[in-house]
């Protein structure tokens, strides 16, 4: 799911009991300080979505240069891309995600 500040890729990981999130922030985003700031924001924002996501997902968030220049757009872009990706993966009539978060991995890589 592409947005102005990021691209989100979601895949199903059969047999995996949690949600794994990977972050990709290239040098095109900015210098080391800027890239680390973007990674910290993305980790914080992605952690909020782990509770509402079903187990067995692999999510990769690739930051675009707009993530550094438009930080206010980062949160709404991630929310929109994440929810759209989950809707596309869920079959009709199946609720997306577990609300209690009992089956999710809380850690984030990056």
PDB file of N, CA and C in Angstrom:
ATOM      1  N   UNK A   1       0.839  -1.154   0.000  1.00  0.00           N
ATOM      2  CA  UNK A   1       0.000   0.000   0.000  1.00  0.00           C
ATOM      3  C   UNK A   1       0.895   1.230   0.000  1.00  0.00           C
ATOM      4  N   UNK A   2       0.853   1.995  -1.032  1.00  0.00           N
ATOM      5  CA  UNK A   2       1.696   3.168  -1.147  1.00  0.00           C
ATOM      6  C   UNK A   2       1.019   4.436  -0.656  1.00  0.00           C
ATOM      7  N   UNK A   3       1.781   5.249   0.003  1.00  0.00           N
ATOM      8  CA  UNK A   3       1.329   6.550   0.493  1.00  0.00           C
ATOM      9  C   UNK A   3       2.445   7.559   0.209  1.00  0.00           C
ATOM     10  N   UNK A   4       2.235   8.810   0.561  1.00  0.00           N
ATOM     11  CA  UNK A   4       3.226   9.855   0.288  1.00  0.00           C
ATOM     12  C   UNK A   4       4.495   9.683   1.109  1.00  0.00           C
ATOM     13  N   UNK A   5       4.383   9.119   2.312  1.00  0.00           N
ATOM     14  CA  UNK A   5       5.542   9.027   3.201  1.00  0.00           C
ATOM     15  C   UNK A   5       6.073   7.609   3.371  1.00  0.00           C
ATOM     16  N   UNK A   6       5.311   6.599   2.934  1.00  0.00           N
ATOM     17  CA  UNK A   6       5.759   5.227   3.144  1.00  0.00           C
ATOM     18  C   UNK A   6       5.071   4.269   2.189  1.00  0.00           C
ATOM     19  N   UNK A   7       5.659   3.091   2.098  1.00  0.00           N
ATOM     20  CA  UNK A   7       5.056   1.974   1.373  1.00  0.00           C
ATOM     21  C   UNK A   7       4.987   0.823   2.358  1.00  0.00           C
ATOM     22  N   UNK A   8       3.843   0.159   2.428  1.00  0.00           N
ATOM     23  CA  UNK A   8       3.648  -0.933   3.370  1.00  0.00           C
ATOM     24  C   UNK A   8       3.404  -2.220   2.591  1.00  0.00           C
ATOM     25  N   UNK A   9       4.183  -3.255   2.923  1.00  0.00           N
ATOM     26  CA  UNK A   9       4.035  -4.575   2.316  1.00  0.00           C
ATOM     27  C   UNK A   9       3.595  -5.532   3.413  1.00  0.00           C
ATOM     28  N   UNK A  10       2.563  -6.335   3.144  1.00  0.00           N
ATOM     29  CA  UNK A  10       2.065  -7.294   4.123  1.00  0.00           C
ATOM     30  C   UNK A  10       2.007  -8.659   3.471  1.00  0.00           C
ATOM     31  N   UNK A  11       2.485  -9.654   4.211  1.00  0.00           N
ATOM     32  CA  UNK A  11       2.418 -11.030   3.751  1.00  0.00           C
ATOM     33  C   UNK A  11       1.956 -11.927   4.875  1.00  0.00           C
ATOM     34  N   UNK A  12       1.437 -13.084   4.489  1.00  0.00           N
ATOM     35  CA  UNK A  12       0.985 -14.055   5.477  1.00  0.00           C
ATOM     36  C   UNK A  12       2.139 -15.006   5.755  1.00  0.00           C
ATOM     37  N   UNK A  13       2.412 -15.242   7.040  1.00  0.00           N
ATOM     38  CA  UNK A  13       3.462 -16.160   7.471  1.00  0.00           C
ATOM     39  C   UNK A  13       2.809 -17.355   8.145  1.00  0.00           C
ATOM     40  N   UNK A  14       2.481 -18.399   7.377  1.00  0.00           N
ATOM     41  CA  UNK A  14       1.791 -19.548   7.961  1.00  0.00           C
ATOM     42  C   UNK A  14       2.633 -20.186   9.069  1.00  0.00           C
ATOM     43  N   UNK A  15       1.967 -20.531  10.156  1.00  0.00           N
ATOM     44  CA  UNK A  15       2.639 -21.183  11.263  1.00  0.00           C
ATOM     45  C   UNK A  15       3.302 -20.230  12.235  1.00  0.00           C
ATOM     46  N   UNK A  16       3.403 -18.974  11.897  1.00  0.00           N
ATOM     47  CA  UNK A  16       4.007 -17.998  12.809  1.00  0.00           C
ATOM     48  C   UNK A  16       2.922 -17.486  13.747  1.00  0.00           C
ATOM     49  N   UNK A  17       3.234 -17.373  15.031  1.00  0.00           N
ATOM     50  CA  UNK A  17       2.233 -17.046  16.032  1.00  0.00           C
ATOM     51  C   UNK A  17       2.080 -15.565  16.317  1.00  0.00           C
ATOM     52  N   UNK A  18       2.890 -14.714  15.723  1.00  0.00           N
ATOM     53  CA  UNK A  18       2.798 -13.293  16.029  1.00  0.00           C
ATOM     54  C   UNK A  18       2.814 -12.452  14.764  1.00  0.00           C
ATOM     55  N   UNK A  19       2.952 -11.172  14.960  1.00  0.00           N
ATOM     56  CA  UNK A  19       3.082 -10.226  13.862  1.00  0.00           C
ATOM     57  C   UNK A  19       4.517  -9.722  13.882  1.00  0.00           C
ATOM     58  N   UNK A  20       5.201  -9.854  12.757  1.00  0.00           N
ATOM     59  CA  UNK A  20       6.563  -9.353  12.656  1.00  0.00           C
ATOM     60  C   UNK A  20       6.553  -8.089  11.812  1.00  0.00           C
ATOM     61  N   UNK A  21       7.271  -7.072  12.289  1.00  0.00           N
ATOM     62  CA  UNK A  21       7.336  -5.799  11.583  1.00  0.00           C
ATOM     63  C   UNK A  21       8.790  -5.480  11.301  1.00  0.00           C
ATOM     64  N   UNK A  22       9.078  -5.166  10.047  1.00  0.00           N
ATOM     65  CA  UNK A  22      10.412  -4.742   9.651  1.00  0.00           C
ATOM     66  C   UNK A  22      10.350  -3.332   9.105  1.00  0.00           C
ATOM     67  N   UNK A  23      11.373  -2.553   9.363  1.00  0.00           N
ATOM     68  CA  UNK A  23      11.428  -1.169   8.896  1.00  0.00           C
ATOM     69  C   UNK A  23      12.590  -1.004   7.933  1.00  0.00           C
ATOM     70  N   UNK A  24      12.347  -0.302   6.837  1.00  0.00           N
ATOM     71  CA  UNK A  24      13.379   0.000   5.858  1.00  0.00           C
ATOM     72  C   UNK A  24      13.413   1.513   5.704  1.00  0.00           C
ATOM     73  N   UNK A  25      14.544   2.099   6.091  1.00  0.00           N
ATOM     74  CA  UNK A  25      14.716   3.543   5.969  1.00  0.00           C
ATOM     75  C   UNK A  25      16.069   3.761   5.302  1.00  0.00           C
ATOM     76  N   UNK A  26      16.044   4.071   4.011  1.00  0.00           N
ATOM     77  CA  UNK A  26      17.282   4.186   3.244  1.00  0.00           C
ATOM     78  C   UNK A  26      17.912   5.568   3.383  1.00  0.00           C
ATOM     79  N   UNK A  27      19.096   5.705   2.826  1.00  0.00           N
ATOM     80  CA  UNK A  27      19.805   6.986   2.877  1.00  0.00           C
ATOM     81  C   UNK A  27      19.085   8.072   2.084  1.00  0.00           C
ATOM     82  N   UNK A  28      18.168   7.674   1.218  1.00  0.00           N
ATOM     83  CA  UNK A  28      17.402   8.670   0.467  1.00  0.00           C
ATOM     84  C   UNK A  28      16.509   9.497   1.391  1.00  0.00           C
ATOM     85  N   UNK A  29      16.203   8.965   2.573  1.00  0.00           N
ATOM     86  CA  UNK A  29      15.354   9.672   3.532  1.00  0.00           C
ATOM     87  C   UNK A  29      16.111  10.827   4.181  1.00  0.00           C
ATOM     88  N   UNK A  30      17.397  10.656   4.396  1.00  0.00           N
ATOM     89  CA  UNK A  30      18.192  11.720   5.009  1.00  0.00           C
ATOM     90  C   UNK A  30      19.435  11.175   5.667  1.00  0.00           C
ATOM     91  N   UNK A  31      20.072  12.018   6.462  1.00  0.00           N
ATOM     92  CA  UNK A  31      21.284  11.585   7.158  1.00  0.00           C
ATOM     93  C   UNK A  31      20.927  10.631   8.300  1.00  0.00           C
ATOM     94  N   UNK A  32      21.940  10.164   9.027  1.00  0.00           N
ATOM     95  CA  UNK A  32      21.723   9.158  10.067  1.00  0.00           C
ATOM     96  C   UNK A  32      20.766   9.636  11.152  1.00  0.00           C
ATOM     97  N   UNK A  33      20.900  10.880  11.552  1.00  0.00           N
ATOM     98  CA  UNK A  33      20.021  11.420  12.595  1.00  0.00           C
ATOM     99  C   UNK A  33      18.571  11.420  12.116  1.00  0.00           C
ATOM    100  N   UNK A  34      18.350  11.846  10.901  1.00  0.00           N
ATOM    101  CA  UNK A  34      17.000  11.884  10.331  1.00  0.00           C
ATOM    102  C   UNK A  34      16.427  10.487  10.176  1.00  0.00           C
ATOM    103  N   UNK A  35      17.239   9.552   9.674  1.00  0.00           N
ATOM    104  CA  UNK A  35      16.762   8.176   9.499  1.00  0.00           C
ATOM    105  C   UNK A  35      16.382   7.551  10.829  1.00  0.00           C
ATOM    106  N   UNK A  36      17.191   7.779  11.857  1.00  0.00           N
ATOM    107  CA  UNK A  36      16.874   7.218  13.171  1.00  0.00           C
ATOM    108  C   UNK A  36      15.610   7.827  13.761  1.00  0.00           C
ATOM    109  N   UNK A  37      15.399   9.118  13.538  1.00  0.00           N
ATOM    110  CA  UNK A  37      14.175   9.769  14.012  1.00  0.00           C
ATOM    111  C   UNK A  37      12.951   9.157  13.328  1.00  0.00           C
ATOM    112  N   UNK A  38      13.051   8.926  12.021  1.00  0.00           N
ATOM    113  CA  UNK A  38      11.944   8.311  11.277  1.00  0.00           C
ATOM    114  C   UNK A  38      11.699   6.887  11.782  1.00  0.00           C
ATOM    115  N   UNK A  39      12.768   6.125  12.037  1.00  0.00           N
ATOM    116  CA  UNK A  39      12.604   4.761  12.553  1.00  0.00           C
ATOM    117  C   UNK A  39      11.923   4.744  13.916  1.00  0.00           C
ATOM    118  N   UNK A  40      12.316   5.670  14.791  1.00  0.00           N
ATOM    119  CA  UNK A  40      11.676   5.732  16.113  1.00  0.00           C
ATOM    120  C   UNK A  40      10.191   6.037  15.985  1.00  0.00           C
ATOM    121  N   UNK A  41       9.840   6.969  15.124  1.00  0.00           N
ATOM    122  CA  UNK A  41       8.419   7.289  14.918  1.00  0.00           C
ATOM    123  C   UNK A  41       7.654   6.088  14.371  1.00  0.00           C
ATOM    124  N   UNK A  42       8.254   5.422  13.380  1.00  0.00           N
ATOM    125  CA  UNK A  42       7.583   4.268  12.783  1.00  0.00           C
ATOM    126  C   UNK A  42       7.420   3.132  13.789  1.00  0.00           C
ATOM    127  N   UNK A  43       8.419   2.878  14.626  1.00  0.00           N
ATOM    128  CA  UNK A  43       8.302   1.840  15.656  1.00  0.00           C
ATOM    129  C   UNK A  43       7.143   2.143  16.598  1.00  0.00           C
ATOM    130  N   UNK A  44       7.076   3.382  17.031  1.00  0.00           N
ATOM    131  CA  UNK A  44       6.009   3.791  17.948  1.00  0.00           C
ATOM    132  C   UNK A  44       4.641   3.630  17.288  1.00  0.00           C
ATOM    133  N   UNK A  45       4.514   4.083  16.066  1.00  0.00           N
ATOM    134  CA  UNK A  45       3.230   4.003  15.374  1.00  0.00           C
ATOM    135  C   UNK A  45       2.839   2.560  15.060  1.00  0.00           C
ATOM    136  N   UNK A  46       3.801   1.746  14.654  1.00  0.00           N
ATOM    137  CA  UNK A  46       3.504   0.352  14.315  1.00  0.00           C
ATOM    138  C   UNK A  46       3.113  -0.440  15.553  1.00  0.00           C
ATOM    139  N   UNK A  47       3.713  -0.130  16.693  1.00  0.00           N
ATOM    140  CA  UNK A  47       3.389  -0.855  17.928  1.00  0.00           C
ATOM    141  C   UNK A  47       1.912  -0.711  18.281  1.00  0.00           C
ATOM    142  N   UNK A  48       1.331   0.429  17.985  1.00  0.00           N
ATOM    143  CA  UNK A  48      -0.083   0.654  18.266  1.00  0.00           C
ATOM    144  C   UNK A  48      -0.985  -0.254  17.432  1.00  0.00           C
ATOM    145  N   UNK A  49      -0.506  -0.669  16.253  1.00  0.00           N
ATOM    146  CA  UNK A  49      -1.326  -1.481  15.350  1.00  0.00           C
ATOM    147  C   UNK A  49      -1.171  -2.971  15.587  1.00  0.00           C
ATOM    148  N   UNK A  50      -0.188  -3.384  16.367  1.00  0.00           N
ATOM    149  CA  UNK A  50       0.019  -4.812  16.596  1.00  0.00           C
ATOM    150  C   UNK A  50      -1.155  -5.449  17.327  1.00  0.00           C
ATOM    151  N   UNK A  51      -1.762  -4.711  18.237  1.00  0.00           N
ATOM    152  CA  UNK A  51      -2.865  -5.262  19.022  1.00  0.00           C
ATOM    153  C   UNK A  51      -4.076  -5.555  18.143  1.00  0.00           C
ATOM    154  N   UNK A  52      -4.276  -4.773  17.117  1.00  0.00           N
ATOM    155  CA  UNK A  52      -5.463  -4.946  16.278  1.00  0.00           C
ATOM    156  C   UNK A  52      -5.212  -5.823  15.058  1.00  0.00           C
ATOM    157  N   UNK A  53      -4.036  -6.449  14.967  1.00  0.00           N
ATOM    158  CA  UNK A  53      -3.713  -7.273  13.808  1.00  0.00           C
ATOM    159  C   UNK A  53      -3.738  -8.748  14.161  1.00  0.00           C
ATOM    160  N   UNK A  54      -4.169  -9.557  13.216  1.00  0.00           N
ATOM    161  CA  UNK A  54      -4.212 -10.998  13.425  1.00  0.00           C
ATOM    162  C   UNK A  54      -2.805 -11.575  13.410  1.00  0.00           C
ATOM    163  N   UNK A  55      -2.634 -12.706  14.067  1.00  0.00           N
ATOM    164  CA  UNK A  55      -1.337 -13.374  14.102  1.00  0.00           C
ATOM    165  C   UNK A  55      -1.002 -13.940  12.726  1.00  0.00           C
ATOM    166  N   UNK A  56       0.285 -14.145  12.496  1.00  0.00           N
ATOM    167  CA  UNK A  56       0.722 -14.757  11.252  1.00  0.00           C
ATOM    168  C   UNK A  56       0.959 -13.782  10.127  1.00  0.00           C
ATOM    169  N   UNK A  57       1.237 -12.535  10.451  1.00  0.00           N
ATOM    170  CA  UNK A  57       1.498 -11.538   9.425  1.00  0.00           C
ATOM    171  C   UNK A  57       2.946 -11.074   9.480  1.00  0.00           C
ATOM    172  N   UNK A  58       3.504 -10.828   8.314  1.00  0.00           N
ATOM    173  CA  UNK A  58       4.785 -10.155   8.193  1.00  0.00           C
ATOM    174  C   UNK A  58       4.510  -8.810   7.539  1.00  0.00           C
ATOM    175  N   UNK A  59       4.950  -7.740   8.189  1.00  0.00           N
ATOM    176  CA  UNK A  59       4.716  -6.385   7.687  1.00  0.00           C
ATOM    177  C   UNK A  59       6.059  -5.709   7.494  1.00  0.00           C
ATOM    178  N   UNK A  60       6.258  -5.127   6.319  1.00  0.00           N
ATOM    179  CA  UNK A  60       7.458  -4.348   6.047  1.00  0.00           C
ATOM    180  C   UNK A  60       7.020  -2.929   5.723  1.00  0.00           C
ATOM    181  N   UNK A  61       7.586  -1.974   6.452  1.00  0.00           N
ATOM    182  CA  UNK A  61       7.282  -0.567   6.239  1.00  0.00           C
ATOM    183  C   UNK A  61       8.533   0.078   5.649  1.00  0.00           C
ATOM    184  N   UNK A  62       8.414   0.585   4.432  1.00  0.00           N
ATOM    185  CA  UNK A  62       9.529   1.259   3.771  1.00  0.00           C
ATOM    186  C   UNK A  62       9.241   2.752   3.760  1.00  0.00           C
ATOM    187  N   UNK A  63      10.107   3.501   4.437  1.00  0.00           N
ATOM    188  CA  UNK A  63       9.930   4.954   4.514  1.00  0.00           C
ATOM    189  C   UNK A  63      10.411   5.597   3.222  1.00  0.00           C
ATOM    190  N   UNK A  64       9.662   6.554   2.756  1.00  0.00           N
ATOM    191  CA  UNK A  64      10.039   7.350   1.589  1.00  0.00           C
ATOM    192  C   UNK A  64      10.616   8.690   2.060  1.00  0.00           C
ATOM    193  N   UNK A  65      11.292   9.432   1.188  1.00  0.00           N
ATOM    194  CA  UNK A  65      11.855  10.717   1.620  1.00  0.00           C
ATOM    195  C   UNK A  65      10.841  11.661   2.251  1.00  0.00           C
ATOM    196  N   UNK A  66       9.587  11.550   1.894  1.00  0.00           N
ATOM    197  CA  UNK A  66       8.552  12.383   2.493  1.00  0.00           C
ATOM    198  C   UNK A  66       8.351  12.128   3.971  1.00  0.00           C
ATOM    199  N   UNK A  67       8.812  10.986   4.479  1.00  0.00           N
ATOM    200  CA  UNK A  67       8.671  10.677   5.900  1.00  0.00           C
ATOM    201  C   UNK A  67       9.450  11.656   6.758  1.00  0.00           C
ATOM    202  N   UNK A  68      10.558  12.162   6.241  1.00  0.00           N
ATOM    203  CA  UNK A  68      11.364  13.127   6.994  1.00  0.00           C
ATOM    204  C   UNK A  68      10.871  14.549   6.781  1.00  0.00           C
ATOM    205  N   UNK A  69      10.429  14.844   5.569  1.00  0.00           N
ATOM    206  CA  UNK A  69      10.020  16.217   5.270  1.00  0.00           C
ATOM    207  C   UNK A  69       8.574  16.516   5.649  1.00  0.00           C
ATOM    208  N   UNK A  70       7.760  15.472   5.820  1.00  0.00           N
ATOM    209  CA  UNK A  70       6.349  15.639   6.197  1.00  0.00           C
ATOM    210  C   UNK A  70       6.011  14.731   7.373  1.00  0.00           C
ATOM    211  N   UNK A  71       6.618  14.948   8.547  1.00  0.00           N
ATOM    212  CA  UNK A  71       6.403  14.031   9.670  1.00  0.00           C
ATOM    213  C   UNK A  71       4.956  13.982  10.159  1.00  0.00           C
ATOM    214  N   UNK A  72       4.198  15.035   9.954  1.00  0.00           N
ATOM    215  CA  UNK A  72       2.795  15.030  10.388  1.00  0.00           C
ATOM    216  C   UNK A  72       1.954  14.063   9.567  1.00  0.00           C
ATOM    217  N   UNK A  73       2.391  13.749   8.355  1.00  0.00           N
ATOM    218  CA  UNK A  73       1.644  12.836   7.489  1.00  0.00           C
ATOM    219  C   UNK A  73       1.973  11.376   7.743  1.00  0.00           C
ATOM    220  N   UNK A  74       3.016  11.115   8.532  1.00  0.00           N
ATOM    221  CA  UNK A  74       3.468   9.743   8.742  1.00  0.00           C
ATOM    222  C   UNK A  74       2.401   8.898   9.449  1.00  0.00           C
ATOM    223  N   UNK A  75       1.820   9.389  10.520  1.00  0.00           N
ATOM    224  CA  UNK A  75       0.812   8.622  11.270  1.00  0.00           C
ATOM    225  C   UNK A  75      -0.425   8.317  10.435  1.00  0.00           C
ATOM    226  N   UNK A  76      -1.050   9.320   9.791  1.00  0.00           N
ATOM    227  CA  UNK A  76      -2.238   8.982   8.998  1.00  0.00           C
ATOM    228  C   UNK A  76      -1.927   8.071   7.818  1.00  0.00           C
ATOM    229  N   UNK A  77      -0.726   8.209   7.240  1.00  0.00           N
ATOM    230  CA  UNK A  77      -0.352   7.337   6.127  1.00  0.00           C
ATOM    231  C   UNK A  77      -0.210   5.897   6.591  1.00  0.00           C
ATOM    232  N   UNK A  78       0.404   5.687   7.761  1.00  0.00           N
ATOM    233  CA  UNK A  78       0.560   4.326   8.271  1.00  0.00           C
ATOM    234  C   UNK A  78      -0.794   3.734   8.639  1.00  0.00           C
ATOM    235  N   UNK A  79      -1.654   4.504   9.273  1.00  0.00           N
ATOM    236  CA  UNK A  79      -2.992   4.021   9.636  1.00  0.00           C
ATOM    237  C   UNK A  79      -3.756   3.606   8.385  1.00  0.00           C
ATOM    238  N   UNK A  80      -3.752   4.452   7.388  1.00  0.00           N
ATOM    239  CA  UNK A  80      -4.486   4.151   6.153  1.00  0.00           C
ATOM    240  C   UNK A  80      -3.942   2.938   5.424  1.00  0.00           C
ATOM    241  N   UNK A  81      -2.622   2.856   5.299  1.00  0.00           N
ATOM    242  CA  UNK A  81      -2.019   1.729   4.589  1.00  0.00           C
ATOM    243  C   UNK A  81      -2.215   0.426   5.356  1.00  0.00           C
ATOM    244  N   UNK A  82      -2.055   0.471   6.683  1.00  0.00           N
ATOM    245  CA  UNK A  82      -2.199  -0.738   7.508  1.00  0.00           C
ATOM    246  C   UNK A  82      -3.625  -1.276   7.437  1.00  0.00           C
ATOM    247  N   UNK A  83      -4.599  -0.399   7.602  1.00  0.00           N
ATOM    248  CA  UNK A  83      -5.994  -0.865   7.588  1.00  0.00           C
ATOM    249  C   UNK A  83      -6.398  -1.366   6.208  1.00  0.00           C
ATOM    250  N   UNK A  84      -5.931  -0.718   5.162  1.00  0.00           N
ATOM    251  CA  UNK A  84      -6.254  -1.173   3.807  1.00  0.00           C
ATOM    252  C   UNK A  84      -5.629  -2.536   3.526  1.00  0.00           C
ATOM    253  N   UNK A  85      -4.395  -2.732   3.987  1.00  0.00           N
ATOM    254  CA  UNK A  85      -3.731  -4.020   3.782  1.00  0.00           C
ATOM    255  C   UNK A  85      -4.464  -5.135   4.514  1.00  0.00           C
ATOM    256  N   UNK A  86      -4.907  -4.885   5.752  1.00  0.00           N
ATOM    257  CA  UNK A  86      -5.637  -5.904   6.501  1.00  0.00           C
ATOM    258  C   UNK A  86      -6.982  -6.220   5.854  1.00  0.00           C
ATOM    259  N   UNK A  87      -7.647  -5.196   5.337  1.00  0.00           N
ATOM    260  CA  UNK A  87      -8.924  -5.439   4.655  1.00  0.00           C
ATOM    261  C   UNK A  87      -8.726  -6.299   3.416  1.00  0.00           C
ATOM    262  N   UNK A  88      -7.635  -6.083   2.700  1.00  0.00           N
ATOM    263  CA  UNK A  88      -7.383  -6.873   1.490  1.00  0.00           C
ATOM    264  C   UNK A  88      -7.047  -8.322   1.813  1.00  0.00           C
ATOM    265  N   UNK A  89      -6.404  -8.557   2.952  1.00  0.00           N
ATOM    266  CA  UNK A  89      -6.026  -9.922   3.323  1.00  0.00           C
ATOM    267  C   UNK A  89      -7.167 -10.724   3.915  1.00  0.00           C
ATOM    268  N   UNK A  90      -8.109 -10.058   4.564  1.00  0.00           N
ATOM    269  CA  UNK A  90      -9.188 -10.761   5.259  1.00  0.00           C
ATOM    270  C   UNK A  90     -10.253 -11.218   4.272  1.00  0.00           C
ATOM    271  N   UNK A  91     -10.665 -12.486   4.367  1.00  0.00           N
ATOM    272  CA  UNK A  91     -11.786 -12.940   3.554  1.00  0.00           C
ATOM    273  C   UNK A  91     -13.076 -12.244   3.984  1.00  0.00           C
ATOM    274  N   UNK A  92     -14.046 -12.231   3.131  1.00  0.00           N
ATOM    275  CA  UNK A  92     -15.332 -11.593   3.425  1.00  0.00           C
ATOM    276  C   UNK A  92     -15.958 -12.195   4.682  1.00  0.00           C
ATOM    277  N   UNK A  93     -16.438 -11.346   5.567  1.00  0.00           N
ATOM    278  CA  UNK A  93     -17.143 -11.793   6.750  1.00  0.00           C
ATOM    279  C   UNK A  93     -16.257 -12.193   7.919  1.00  0.00           C
ATOM    280  N   UNK A  94     -14.937 -12.153   7.750  1.00  0.00           N
ATOM    281  CA  UNK A  94     -14.028 -12.530   8.831  1.00  0.00           C
ATOM    282  C   UNK A  94     -13.532 -11.259   9.497  1.00  0.00           C
ATOM    283  N   UNK A  95     -13.650 -11.152  10.821  1.00  0.00           N
ATOM    284  CA  UNK A  95     -13.170  -9.953  11.501  1.00  0.00           C
ATOM    285  C   UNK A  95     -11.653  -9.853  11.386  1.00  0.00           C
ATOM    286  N   UNK A  96     -11.159  -8.633  11.244  1.00  0.00           N
ATOM    287  CA  UNK A  96      -9.730  -8.393  11.080  1.00  0.00           C
ATOM    288  C   UNK A  96      -9.115  -8.135  12.443  1.00  0.00           C
ATOM    289  N   UNK A  97      -8.180  -9.000  12.855  1.00  0.00           N
ATOM    290  CA  UNK A  97      -7.402  -8.775  14.068  1.00  0.00           C
ATOM    291  C   UNK A  97      -8.084  -9.263  15.326  1.00  0.00           C
ATOM    292  N   UNK A  98      -7.272  -9.388  16.373  1.00  0.00           N
ATOM    293  CA  UNK A  98      -7.771  -9.761  17.694  1.00  0.00           C
ATOM    294  C   UNK A  98      -7.618  -8.564  18.591  1.00  0.00           C
ATOM    295  N   UNK A  99      -8.621  -8.260  19.337  1.00  0.00           N
ATOM    296  CA  UNK A  99      -8.610  -7.052  20.168  1.00  0.00           C
ATOM    297  C   UNK A  99      -7.819  -7.215  21.462  1.00  0.00           C
ATOM    298  N   UNK A 100      -7.695  -8.447  21.957  1.00  0.00           N
ATOM    299  CA  UNK A 100      -7.006  -8.614  23.232  1.00  0.00           C
ATOM    300  C   UNK A 100      -5.493  -8.685  23.075  1.00  0.00           C
ATOM    301  N   UNK A 101      -4.987  -8.932  21.871  1.00  0.00           N
ATOM    302  CA  UNK A 101      -3.555  -8.958  21.637  1.00  0.00           C
ATOM    303  C   UNK A 101      -2.842 -10.137  22.259  1.00  0.00           C
ATOM    304  N   UNK A 102      -3.580 -11.188  22.667  1.00  0.00           N
ATOM    305  CA  UNK A 102      -2.973 -12.298  23.386  1.00  0.00           C
ATOM    306  C   UNK A 102      -2.045 -13.130  22.515  1.00  0.00           C
ATOM    307  N   UNK A 103      -2.191 -13.071  21.208  1.00  0.00           N
ATOM    308  CA  UNK A 103      -1.396 -13.920  20.343  1.00  0.00           C
ATOM    309  C   UNK A 103      -0.337 -13.143  19.566  1.00  0.00           C
ATOM    310  N   UNK A 104      -0.028 -11.941  19.995  1.00  0.00           N
ATOM    311  CA  UNK A 104       0.858 -11.101  19.200  1.00  0.00           C
ATOM    312  C   UNK A 104       2.241 -10.970  19.831  1.00  0.00           C
ATOM    313  N   UNK A 105       3.202 -10.802  18.970  1.00  0.00           N
ATOM    314  CA  UNK A 105       4.566 -10.528  19.410  1.00  0.00           C
ATOM    315  C   UNK A 105       4.685  -9.028  19.565  1.00  0.00           C
ATOM    316  N   UNK A 106       5.170  -8.571  20.692  1.00  0.00           N
ATOM    317  CA  UNK A 106       5.217  -7.142  20.980  1.00  0.00           C
ATOM    318  C   UNK A 106       6.475  -6.464  20.446  1.00  0.00           C
ATOM    319  N   UNK A 107       7.530  -7.205  20.159  1.00  0.00           N
ATOM    320  CA  UNK A 107       8.785  -6.590  19.758  1.00  0.00           C
ATOM    321  C   UNK A 107       8.770  -6.146  18.311  1.00  0.00           C
ATOM    322  N   UNK A 108       9.543  -5.150  18.006  1.00  0.00           N
ATOM    323  CA  UNK A 108       9.706  -4.662  16.652  1.00  0.00           C
ATOM    324  C   UNK A 108      11.174  -4.710  16.275  1.00  0.00           C
ATOM    325  N   UNK A 109      11.438  -5.013  15.029  1.00  0.00           N
ATOM    326  CA  UNK A 109      12.834  -5.002  14.574  1.00  0.00           C
ATOM    327  C   UNK A 109      13.151  -3.633  13.999  1.00  0.00           C
ATOM    328  N   UNK A 110      14.414  -3.372  13.826  1.00  0.00           N
ATOM    329  CA  UNK A 110      14.778  -2.109  13.185  1.00  0.00           C
ATOM    330  C   UNK A 110      15.802  -1.445  13.946  1.00  0.00           C
TER     331      UNK A 110
END
